[in-house]
Amino acid sequence: MSKAKATTIKDALARWEEKMGEKAAEATTVMLFSQIPPIDKMDATLSKLVNCEKLSLSTNCIEKIANLNGLKNLRILSLGRNNIKNFNGLEAVGDSVEQLWISYNLIEKLKGIHVMKKLQVLYMSNNLVKEWGEFGKLADLPCLVDLLFVGNPLEEKCSAEGTWQDEASKRLPKLKKIDGITVVKTEEDEED
């Protein structure tokens, strides 16, 4: 049995334009999630999305973040439910993206996340992060206030011990929300 050929970004955009009746290059929101067959590569065709503020490529088979160079207006990037293993490739949008939705992937190491200078919201539940050393790299994100981290081995282990919320908010004191729960600061926290 032969494997179905993956959908290319070019084909997905052509289908999207036909369905939406607008040009992808002019659109501010482009949704290419759940393509059949799935997209497996973020190819150079993405660079024509110059006005795009929200791009969804969730629920595909993408393994690498790539070709975001032309997307200078991108504020929300949705890459959940793919096969992404790391944050390489985000450099091009590091100064614009405010929300990164990357839950249900295969991310174990957070190397490269530091390029996200404006990132406020990071949804990365159900990945493979298991060490505090990796989690600590999130402290390099000056604007991060909302983190979804549930379902990572680190969170599961600490939740079983009953220490997750306290430990995570201690290591990332700027967070206002962890796993959908508002972080409550005590007076002694604020004096530190």
Protein backbone atom coordinates (compact mmCIF):
# COMPACT_ATOMS: atom_id res chain seq x y z
CA MET A 1 0.00 0.00 0.00
CA SER A 2 1.51 3.35 -0.96
CA LYS A 3 1.51 6.23 1.47
CA ALA A 4 -0.58 9.23 0.43
CA LYS A 5 1.52 12.18 -0.66
CA ALA A 6 1.53 14.98 1.89
CA THR A 7 -0.38 18.18 1.23
CA THR A 8 2.00 21.03 0.41
CA ILE A 9 1.57 24.52 1.86
CA LYS A 10 1.02 25.72 -1.71
CA ASP A 11 -1.86 23.25 -2.22
CA ALA A 12 -3.33 23.98 1.21
CA LEU A 13 -3.24 27.74 0.50
CA ALA A 14 -4.86 27.25 -2.91
CA ARG A 15 -7.69 25.26 -1.28
CA TRP A 16 -8.01 27.86 1.48
CA GLU A 17 -8.22 30.74 -1.05
CA GLU A 18 -10.87 28.90 -3.02
CA LYS A 19 -12.92 28.18 0.10
CA MET A 20 -12.53 31.64 1.66
CA GLY A 21 -12.71 33.67 -1.54
CA GLU A 22 -9.73 35.83 -0.59
CA LYS A 23 -6.04 35.97 -1.37
CA ALA A 24 -3.80 34.37 1.26
CA ALA A 25 -1.23 37.15 0.79
CA GLU A 26 -3.83 39.71 1.91
CA ALA A 27 -5.40 37.71 4.75
CA THR A 28 -4.73 38.42 8.43
CA THR A 29 -5.90 34.96 9.56
CA VAL A 30 -4.95 31.79 7.70
CA MET A 31 -6.16 28.41 8.95
CA LEU A 32 -4.47 25.36 7.45
CA PHE A 33 -5.17 22.89 10.25
CA SER A 34 -6.24 19.26 9.78
CA GLN A 35 -5.30 18.97 6.10
CA ILE A 36 -6.02 15.66 4.37
CA PRO A 37 -3.52 14.28 3.65
CA PRO A 38 -1.62 16.23 6.35
CA ILE A 39 1.02 18.89 5.69
CA ASP A 40 4.47 17.55 6.59
CA LYS A 41 6.67 20.57 5.74
CA MET A 42 6.47 24.29 6.36
CA ASP A 43 7.75 25.23 2.90
CA ALA A 44 8.81 28.58 1.43
CA THR A 45 5.26 29.29 0.15
CA LEU A 46 4.51 30.51 3.70
CA SER A 47 6.61 33.61 3.05
CA LYS A 48 3.86 35.08 0.90
CA LEU A 49 1.61 35.46 3.99
CA VAL A 50 2.91 38.98 4.60
CA ASN A 51 -0.26 40.29 6.29
CA CYS A 52 -0.91 37.19 8.36
CA GLU A 53 -1.38 37.85 12.10
CA LYS A 54 -2.74 34.42 13.03
CA LEU A 55 -1.53 31.24 11.35
CA SER A 56 -2.83 27.80 12.25
CA LEU A 57 -1.03 24.69 11.05
CA SER A 58 -2.32 22.47 13.86
CA THR A 59 -3.19 18.80 13.46
CA ASN A 60 -0.83 17.99 10.62
CA CYS A 61 2.46 16.01 10.49
CA ILE A 62 4.96 18.88 10.58
CA GLU A 63 8.34 17.95 12.07
CA LYS A 64 10.25 21.25 11.77
CA ILE A 65 9.34 24.91 12.18
CA ALA A 66 10.61 26.66 9.04
CA ASN A 67 10.12 29.38 6.44
CA LEU A 68 8.49 32.04 8.61
CA ASN A 69 10.75 34.82 7.23
CA GLY A 70 8.10 36.89 5.44
CA LEU A 71 5.61 36.82 8.32
CA LYS A 72 6.57 40.08 10.03
CA ASN A 73 3.01 40.70 11.31
CA LEU A 74 2.51 37.24 12.84
CA ARG A 75 1.17 37.47 16.41
CA ILE A 76 -0.41 34.03 16.96
CA LEU A 77 1.21 30.83 15.71
CA SER A 78 -0.69 27.59 16.23
CA LEU A 79 1.31 24.39 15.71
CA GLY A 80 -0.43 22.00 18.11
CA ARG A 81 -0.81 18.30 17.31
CA ASN A 82 2.16 17.89 14.99
CA ASN A 83 5.51 16.06 15.29
CA ILE A 84 7.66 19.07 16.19
CA LYS A 85 10.72 18.24 18.28
CA ASN A 86 12.28 21.67 18.96
CA PHE A 87 11.93 25.44 18.69
CA ASN A 88 14.47 25.94 15.89
CA GLY A 89 13.02 28.07 13.10
CA LEU A 90 11.25 30.63 15.29
CA GLU A 91 14.01 33.27 14.94
CA ALA A 92 12.25 34.96 12.01
CA VAL A 93 9.14 35.71 14.12
CA GLY A 94 10.86 36.21 17.48
CA ASP A 95 10.08 39.92 17.54
CA SER A 96 6.39 39.65 16.64
CA VAL A 97 4.76 36.45 17.94
CA GLU A 98 2.85 37.01 21.20
CA GLN A 99 1.16 33.60 21.41
CA LEU A 100 2.61 30.20 20.54
CA TRP A 101 0.28 27.21 20.69
CA ILE A 102 2.44 24.10 20.41
CA SER A 103 0.73 21.48 22.62
CA TYR A 104 0.74 17.79 21.70
CA ASN A 105 4.15 17.68 20.03
CA LEU A 106 7.43 15.92 20.82
CA ILE A 107 9.37 18.77 22.45
CA GLU A 108 11.78 17.71 25.16
CA LYS A 109 14.32 20.57 25.10
CA LEU A 110 13.51 24.29 25.15
CA LYS A 111 16.70 25.42 23.40
CA GLY A 112 15.87 28.30 21.04
CA ILE A 113 12.77 29.53 22.88
CA HIS A 114 14.71 32.62 24.07
CA VAL A 115 14.30 34.29 20.63
CA MET A 116 10.60 34.90 21.42
CA LYS A 117 11.03 38.40 22.86
CA LYS A 118 7.31 39.34 22.82
CA LEU A 119 5.85 35.94 23.75
CA GLN A 120 3.10 36.38 26.35
CA VAL A 121 1.21 33.09 25.98
CA LEU A 122 2.85 29.68 25.58
CA TYR A 123 0.59 26.66 25.36
CA MET A 124 2.86 23.63 25.32
CA SER A 125 0.93 20.99 27.20
CA ASN A 126 1.48 17.31 26.44
CA ASN A 127 5.06 17.51 25.23
CA LEU A 128 8.10 15.66 26.63
CA VAL A 129 9.82 18.18 28.95
CA LYS A 130 11.06 16.33 32.01
CA GLU A 131 13.76 18.50 33.61
CA TRP A 132 13.67 21.74 35.60
CA GLY A 133 16.82 22.81 33.73
CA GLU A 134 14.79 22.90 30.51
CA PHE A 135 11.79 24.54 32.19
CA GLY A 136 14.15 27.24 33.50
CA LYS A 137 14.81 28.41 29.93
CA LEU A 138 11.31 29.92 29.99
CA ALA A 139 12.71 32.56 32.36
CA ASP A 140 14.44 34.04 29.27
CA LEU A 141 11.02 35.15 27.96
CA PRO A 142 10.56 38.69 29.32
CA CYS A 143 6.82 38.98 28.53
CA LEU A 144 5.57 35.45 29.35
CA VAL A 145 2.49 35.65 31.61
CA ASP A 146 0.37 32.62 30.62
CA LEU A 147 1.81 29.10 30.46
CA LEU A 148 0.01 25.82 29.75
CA PHE A 149 2.40 23.00 30.67
CA VAL A 150 0.13 20.21 31.92
CA GLY A 151 0.88 16.74 30.54
CA ASN A 152 4.66 17.15 30.38
CA PRO A 153 6.57 14.52 32.43
CA LEU A 154 7.98 17.30 34.68
CA GLU A 155 4.51 18.64 35.53
CA GLU A 156 3.05 15.15 36.03
CA LYS A 157 5.83 14.18 38.45
CA CYS A 158 5.55 17.42 40.46
CA SER A 159 1.74 17.36 40.47
CA ALA A 160 1.88 13.86 41.96
CA GLU A 161 4.12 15.32 44.69
CA GLY A 162 1.80 18.33 45.07
CA THR A 163 4.56 20.86 44.33
CA TRP A 164 3.94 21.86 40.69
CA GLN A 165 2.14 25.22 41.02
CA ASP A 166 4.47 26.55 43.74
CA GLU A 167 7.67 25.37 42.10
CA ALA A 168 6.70 26.63 38.61
CA SER A 169 5.61 30.07 39.85
CA LYS A 170 8.76 30.38 41.98
CA ARG A 171 10.93 29.72 38.93
CA LEU A 172 8.84 32.00 36.68
CA PRO A 173 7.71 34.81 39.02
CA LYS A 174 6.18 36.93 36.21
CA LEU A 175 3.56 34.30 35.37
CA LYS A 176 -0.03 35.34 35.99
CA LYS A 177 -1.50 32.01 34.90
CA ILE A 178 -0.21 28.42 34.99
CA ASP A 179 -2.25 25.64 33.40
CA GLY A 180 -5.33 27.85 33.35
CA ILE A 181 -5.10 28.70 37.05
CA THR A 182 -4.44 32.28 38.15
CA VAL A 183 -1.22 32.55 40.14
CA VAL A 184 -1.93 34.04 43.55
CA LYS A 185 1.02 35.94 44.99
CA THR A 186 1.33 36.22 48.76
CA GLU A 187 2.79 39.34 50.37
CA GLU A 188 6.07 37.56 51.11
CA ASP A 189 6.38 36.60 47.41
CA GLU A 190 6.12 40.25 46.46
CA GLU A 191 8.76 41.29 48.96
CA ASP A 192 11.34 38.89 47.51
